[in-house]
Amino acid sequence: MTSPATGAPTVQGAAFRSAPAMLFLRRLFRRKLVLAAALVLLAIVVVALAAPWVSPFDPGAMRVVRRLRPPSSEHWLGTDELGRDVFSRVVYGARASLGIGFSVVLASCLTGTLFGILAGYDRRLDGPIMRVVDALMALPDILLAIFLVAVLGASAGNVVLALAIVYTPRVVRVVRASTLVVRELPFVEAARALGVGTPRILTVHILLNVASPILIQATFIFAYAVLAEAGLSFLGAGVPPEIPTWGTMIASGQQYADLAFWTVLYPGLAIVLSALSLQILGDGLRDMLDPKLRKAL
């Protein structure tokens, strides 16, 4: 609603537009497990963003005389084999691991959405695109990622690129399947009959109607990317060891796990909490956005 005198949005109009979003959030967080997962994920993200103010020590500062000290009032989660504060490294590791995961989601969803819509809408492009997708999906994810990082070199950017290549085919298949359904709906046929250009049909009429499965897939890819980055770093094929990520922390502390379990316990817990929260949140979004599942709730 707008003001008759000025044409500016009224408070009542703004509240009306925000009502569907609030209703959706209330339904999404009606399940306590989904709400708990969202709060845990939000806390991890806030800690990652506030890492310079939250961490009491420099994550790279080495104090060998304090190596492998158990948790105490000074070092809340103990120290590692080089005397570095584990809590500070876990906090900065959240920034690195979640940053890589988010970059993978962004790259894979943008690329996968583009090729998925093109494959689903244009039958001439469907065959070539899907044959490449099938070839990529025939290879195990972790092996393909290791191969790509080995070819490209170990760095955070190359890890993002390798994992984006690994997970893009998943998005392509989901978006293509949704596009095949949407392109046959009456409003798309009407747009074509009225002479609406293909770019506008793809962006306005199709993209907006396949956004829900993309959002759901993004949450799962985020969790997979966090786990994959940790696995690559643990195998020595991920980011360089000097960059504190949860995977590099576990890789460097595994040989001291018998003497100092905290060097692998806390980064491992961070990985589990992040991945599990993302998976539960993705399940909640799927249940809310899928009409069949929503009726069952």
Protein backbone atom coordinates (compact mmCIF):
# COMPACT_ATOMS: atom_id res chain seq x y z
CA MET A 1 0.00 0.00 0.00
CA THR A 2 1.14 3.60 -0.73
CA SER A 3 0.19 6.98 0.60
CA PRO A 4 -2.36 8.75 -1.72
CA ALA A 5 -0.61 12.08 -1.24
CA THR A 6 3.04 11.15 -1.70
CA GLY A 7 2.96 7.69 -3.30
CA ALA A 8 5.45 6.48 -0.66
CA PRO A 9 5.01 3.05 0.94
CA THR A 10 3.00 3.17 4.16
CA VAL A 11 3.82 1.31 7.35
CA GLN A 12 0.79 -0.90 6.75
CA GLY A 13 2.05 -1.78 3.24
CA ALA A 14 5.52 -2.66 4.54
CA ALA A 15 3.99 -4.85 7.24
CA PHE A 16 1.79 -6.55 4.64
CA ARG A 17 4.80 -7.39 2.47
CA SER A 18 6.78 -8.74 5.41
CA ALA A 19 3.89 -10.91 6.61
CA PRO A 20 4.57 -13.84 4.20
CA ALA A 21 8.24 -13.89 5.22
CA MET A 22 7.36 -13.94 8.92
CA LEU A 23 4.78 -16.66 8.33
CA PHE A 24 7.33 -18.74 6.44
CA LEU A 25 9.91 -18.35 9.25
CA ARG A 26 7.34 -19.31 11.89
CA ARG A 27 6.45 -22.44 9.96
CA LEU A 28 10.09 -23.27 9.27
CA PHE A 29 11.13 -22.91 12.92
CA ARG A 30 8.03 -24.64 14.26
CA ARG A 31 10.20 -27.74 14.52
CA LYS A 32 12.51 -27.21 17.47
CA LEU A 33 15.28 -29.23 15.85
CA VAL A 34 15.38 -26.90 12.82
CA LEU A 35 15.34 -23.86 15.11
CA ALA A 36 18.22 -25.26 17.17
CA ALA A 37 20.21 -25.98 14.00
CA ALA A 38 19.64 -22.44 12.73
CA LEU A 39 20.76 -20.95 16.05
CA VAL A 40 23.91 -23.10 16.14
CA LEU A 41 24.76 -22.15 12.57
CA LEU A 42 24.10 -18.48 13.29
CA ALA A 43 26.39 -18.62 16.34
CA ILE A 44 29.19 -20.22 14.28
CA VAL A 45 28.82 -17.57 11.55
CA VAL A 46 28.86 -14.73 14.10
CA VAL A 47 31.97 -16.14 15.77
CA ALA A 48 33.66 -16.49 12.37
CA LEU A 49 32.88 -12.90 11.40
CA ALA A 50 34.03 -11.59 14.80
CA ALA A 51 37.20 -13.71 14.87
CA PRO A 52 39.65 -10.79 15.45
CA TRP A 53 37.67 -9.70 18.51
CA VAL A 54 36.73 -13.14 19.85
CA SER A 55 40.08 -14.96 19.69
CA PRO A 56 42.41 -14.11 22.60
CA PHE A 57 45.63 -15.00 20.71
CA ASP A 58 47.10 -14.78 17.26
CA PRO A 59 46.22 -18.14 15.64
CA GLY A 60 49.66 -18.36 14.05
CA ALA A 61 51.72 -17.32 17.09
CA MET A 62 53.97 -20.23 18.14
CA ARG A 63 55.06 -20.70 21.77
CA VAL A 64 56.89 -24.02 21.79
CA VAL A 65 57.44 -23.91 25.54
CA ARG A 66 53.64 -24.12 25.95
CA ARG A 67 53.10 -26.95 23.47
CA LEU A 68 50.36 -29.54 24.09
CA ARG A 69 49.04 -27.89 27.23
CA PRO A 70 45.56 -29.03 28.29
CA PRO A 71 42.60 -26.63 28.45
CA SER A 72 42.99 -24.03 31.17
CA SER A 73 41.83 -20.55 32.12
CA GLU A 74 44.53 -19.07 29.86
CA HIS A 75 44.09 -21.42 26.91
CA TRP A 76 40.42 -22.41 26.94
CA LEU A 77 40.83 -25.31 24.52
CA GLY A 78 44.51 -26.02 25.16
CA THR A 79 47.47 -25.63 22.81
CA ASP A 80 48.70 -27.64 19.85
CA GLU A 81 52.09 -29.19 19.03
CA LEU A 82 53.60 -25.76 18.31
CA GLY A 83 52.10 -24.00 21.31
CA ARG A 84 49.41 -22.25 19.30
CA ASP A 85 46.11 -21.53 21.03
CA VAL A 86 43.54 -24.08 19.84
CA PHE A 87 40.53 -21.87 20.58
CA SER A 88 41.91 -19.04 18.45
CA ARG A 89 42.68 -21.45 15.62
CA VAL A 90 39.19 -22.98 15.79
CA VAL A 91 37.65 -19.51 15.61
CA TYR A 92 39.79 -18.46 12.64
CA GLY A 93 39.27 -21.92 11.15
CA ALA A 94 35.53 -21.21 11.11
CA ARG A 95 36.18 -18.14 9.00
CA ALA A 96 38.33 -20.08 6.52
CA SER A 97 36.22 -23.24 6.33
CA LEU A 98 32.87 -21.47 6.08
CA GLY A 99 34.34 -18.96 3.64
CA ILE A 100 35.49 -21.77 1.35
CA GLY A 101 32.14 -23.54 1.71
CA PHE A 102 30.17 -20.38 0.88
CA SER A 103 32.37 -19.66 -2.13
CA VAL A 104 31.80 -23.20 -3.40
CA VAL A 105 28.03 -22.79 -2.98
CA LEU A 106 28.05 -19.46 -4.81
CA ALA A 107 30.16 -20.71 -7.72
CA SER A 108 28.40 -24.06 -8.13
CA CYS A 109 24.88 -22.63 -7.84
CA LEU A 110 25.50 -19.80 -10.30
CA THR A 111 27.14 -22.10 -12.86
CA GLY A 112 24.76 -25.00 -12.29
CA THR A 113 21.69 -22.77 -12.53
CA LEU A 114 22.86 -21.30 -15.83
CA PHE A 115 23.58 -24.65 -17.49
CA GLY A 116 20.55 -26.32 -15.89
CA ILE A 117 18.11 -23.74 -17.24
CA LEU A 118 19.72 -23.84 -20.68
CA ALA A 119 19.61 -27.65 -20.75
CA GLY A 120 16.00 -27.77 -19.59
CA TYR A 121 14.69 -25.04 -21.86
CA ASP A 122 16.65 -25.63 -25.10
CA ARG A 123 16.46 -29.22 -26.36
CA ARG A 124 19.47 -28.65 -28.62
CA LEU A 125 21.71 -27.95 -25.62
CA ASP A 126 20.20 -30.62 -23.40
CA GLY A 127 22.17 -33.55 -24.85
CA PRO A 128 25.71 -32.05 -24.80
CA ILE A 129 25.32 -30.47 -21.36
CA MET A 130 23.87 -33.56 -19.71
CA ARG A 131 26.50 -35.87 -21.20
CA VAL A 132 29.22 -33.76 -19.57
CA VAL A 133 27.24 -33.74 -16.31
CA ASP A 134 26.85 -37.52 -16.41
CA ALA A 135 30.58 -37.95 -17.02
CA LEU A 136 31.46 -35.75 -14.03
CA MET A 137 28.94 -37.45 -11.74
CA ALA A 138 30.28 -40.89 -12.69
CA LEU A 139 33.51 -40.05 -10.83
CA PRO A 140 33.68 -40.19 -7.00
CA ASP A 141 33.51 -36.67 -5.57
CA ILE A 142 36.57 -36.81 -3.35
CA LEU A 143 38.75 -38.49 -5.98
CA LEU A 144 37.79 -35.90 -8.60
CA ALA A 145 38.50 -33.10 -6.12
CA ILE A 146 41.92 -34.55 -5.22
CA PHE A 147 42.79 -34.88 -8.91
CA LEU A 148 41.76 -31.30 -9.69
CA VAL A 149 43.66 -29.84 -6.72
CA ALA A 150 46.73 -31.90 -7.67
CA VAL A 151 46.59 -30.48 -11.20
CA LEU A 152 45.78 -26.90 -10.19
CA GLY A 153 47.96 -26.70 -7.07
CA ALA A 154 47.19 -26.48 -3.37
CA SER A 155 45.59 -23.15 -2.50
CA ALA A 156 42.30 -21.92 -1.11
CA GLY A 157 41.19 -20.59 -4.51
CA ASN A 158 41.97 -23.86 -6.27
CA VAL A 159 40.11 -25.83 -3.59
CA VAL A 160 37.05 -23.65 -4.21
CA LEU A 161 37.39 -24.15 -7.97
CA ALA A 162 37.83 -27.92 -7.65
CA LEU A 163 34.86 -28.36 -5.32
CA ALA A 164 32.71 -26.07 -7.47
CA ILE A 165 33.44 -28.31 -10.46
CA VAL A 166 32.56 -31.36 -8.36
CA TYR A 167 29.21 -30.04 -7.08
CA THR A 168 28.00 -28.06 -10.11
CA PRO A 169 26.57 -31.20 -11.82
CA ARG A 170 24.23 -31.73 -8.84
CA VAL A 171 22.77 -28.27 -9.32
CA VAL A 172 22.51 -28.73 -13.09
CA ARG A 173 20.43 -31.90 -12.71
CA VAL A 174 18.08 -30.36 -10.12
CA VAL A 175 17.56 -27.13 -12.08
CA ARG A 176 17.11 -28.98 -15.39
CA ALA A 177 14.43 -31.24 -13.90
CA SER A 178 12.53 -28.23 -12.52
CA THR A 179 12.91 -26.30 -15.77
CA LEU A 180 11.47 -29.20 -17.79
CA VAL A 181 8.30 -28.92 -15.70
CA VAL A 182 8.04 -25.11 -15.64
CA ARG A 183 8.61 -24.60 -19.37
CA GLU A 184 5.41 -26.54 -20.17
CA LEU A 185 3.20 -24.49 -17.83
CA PRO A 186 0.55 -22.24 -19.41
CA PHE A 187 2.08 -18.92 -18.37
CA VAL A 188 5.38 -19.78 -20.09
CA GLU A 189 3.56 -20.82 -23.26
CA ALA A 190 1.55 -17.60 -23.10
CA ALA A 191 4.74 -15.56 -22.78
CA ARG A 192 6.19 -17.26 -25.84
CA ALA A 193 2.96 -16.66 -27.78
CA LEU A 194 3.08 -12.96 -26.90
CA GLY A 195 6.59 -12.70 -28.29
CA VAL A 196 8.44 -12.31 -24.99
CA GLY A 197 12.17 -12.70 -25.52
CA THR A 198 13.96 -15.86 -24.40
CA PRO A 199 16.25 -14.06 -21.90
CA ARG A 200 13.22 -12.57 -20.14
CA ILE A 201 11.40 -15.91 -20.08
CA LEU A 202 14.45 -17.62 -18.59
CA THR A 203 15.06 -14.98 -15.90
CA VAL A 204 11.55 -13.84 -14.97
CA HIS A 205 9.29 -16.79 -15.68
CA ILE A 206 11.57 -19.80 -15.14
CA LEU A 207 14.36 -18.75 -12.77
CA LEU A 208 11.98 -17.41 -10.14
CA ASN A 209 10.00 -20.65 -10.22
CA VAL A 210 13.04 -22.90 -9.77
CA ALA A 211 14.56 -20.84 -6.96
CA SER A 212 13.22 -23.12 -4.20
CA PRO A 213 15.10 -26.30 -5.23
CA ILE A 214 18.22 -24.22 -5.80
CA LEU A 215 18.02 -22.86 -2.25
CA ILE A 216 17.55 -26.34 -0.81
CA GLN A 217 20.42 -27.74 -2.84
CA ALA A 218 22.65 -24.84 -1.73
CA THR A 219 22.31 -25.78 1.95
CA PHE A 220 23.32 -29.38 1.25
CA ILE A 221 26.25 -28.34 -0.96
CA PHE A 222 27.42 -26.00 1.81
CA ALA A 223 27.59 -28.94 4.22
CA TYR A 224 29.27 -31.18 1.63
CA ALA A 225 31.83 -28.48 0.84
CA VAL A 226 32.77 -28.01 4.51
CA LEU A 227 33.26 -31.77 4.87
CA ALA A 228 35.14 -32.03 1.57
CA GLU A 229 37.49 -29.18 2.43
CA ALA A 230 38.27 -30.84 5.75
CA GLY A 231 38.89 -34.15 3.99
CA LEU A 232 41.18 -32.58 1.40
CA SER A 233 43.16 -30.72 4.06
CA PHE A 234 43.41 -33.87 6.16
CA LEU A 235 44.86 -35.72 3.15
CA GLY A 236 47.29 -32.90 2.45
CA ALA A 237 45.58 -31.96 -0.82
CA GLY A 238 43.70 -28.91 0.45
CA VAL A 239 44.75 -25.46 1.55
CA PRO A 240 48.36 -24.90 2.72
CA PRO A 241 49.03 -25.97 6.35
CA GLU A 242 49.80 -22.42 7.47
CA ILE A 243 46.17 -21.42 6.87
CA PRO A 244 44.12 -22.38 9.94
CA THR A 245 41.14 -24.46 8.82
CA TRP A 246 39.41 -27.22 10.73
CA GLY A 247 40.81 -29.79 8.32
CA THR A 248 44.43 -28.63 8.62
CA MET A 249 44.09 -28.58 12.42
CA ILE A 250 42.99 -32.22 12.49
CA ALA A 251 45.71 -33.18 10.01
CA SER A 252 48.47 -31.58 12.09
CA GLY A 253 47.14 -32.83 15.42
CA GLN A 254 46.34 -36.44 14.52
CA GLN A 255 49.78 -37.75 15.49
CA TYR A 256 49.41 -36.17 18.95
CA ALA A 257 45.82 -37.31 19.53
CA ASP A 258 46.89 -39.89 22.16
CA LEU A 259 48.73 -37.25 24.20
CA ALA A 260 46.54 -34.23 23.49
CA PHE A 261 43.06 -35.25 22.33
CA TRP A 262 41.92 -31.61 22.32
CA THR A 263 44.01 -30.87 19.21
CA VAL A 264 41.60 -32.94 17.09
CA LEU A 265 38.45 -33.03 19.26
CA TYR A 266 37.42 -29.38 19.02
CA PRO A 267 37.99 -28.81 15.30
CA GLY A 268 36.22 -32.12 14.71
CA LEU A 269 33.25 -30.97 16.79
CA ALA A 270 33.16 -27.71 14.84
CA ILE A 271 32.97 -29.66 11.55
CA VAL A 272 30.24 -31.95 12.87
CA LEU A 273 28.13 -29.10 14.27
CA SER A 274 28.41 -27.02 11.10
CA ALA A 275 27.64 -29.85 8.69
CA LEU A 276 24.83 -31.26 10.84
CA SER A 277 23.22 -27.84 11.29
CA LEU A 278 23.31 -27.21 7.55
CA GLN A 279 21.82 -30.62 6.81
CA ILE A 280 18.98 -30.17 9.32
CA LEU A 281 18.27 -26.67 8.03
CA GLY A 282 18.23 -28.01 4.47
CA ASP A 283 15.77 -30.72 5.48
CA GLY A 284 13.55 -28.09 7.08
CA LEU A 285 13.63 -25.91 3.97
CA ARG A 286 12.83 -28.91 1.77
CA ASP A 287 9.86 -29.84 3.95
CA MET A 288 8.54 -26.27 3.79
CA LEU A 289 9.13 -25.58 0.09
CA ASP A 290 7.92 -28.94 -1.24
CA PRO A 291 4.10 -28.78 -1.43
CA LYS A 292 3.66 -32.53 -0.88
CA LEU A 293 5.87 -32.56 2.21
CA ARG A 294 4.38 -29.33 3.52
CA LYS A 295 0.90 -30.88 3.54
CA ALA A 296 2.23 -33.77 5.62
CA LEU A 297 3.60 -31.48 8.34
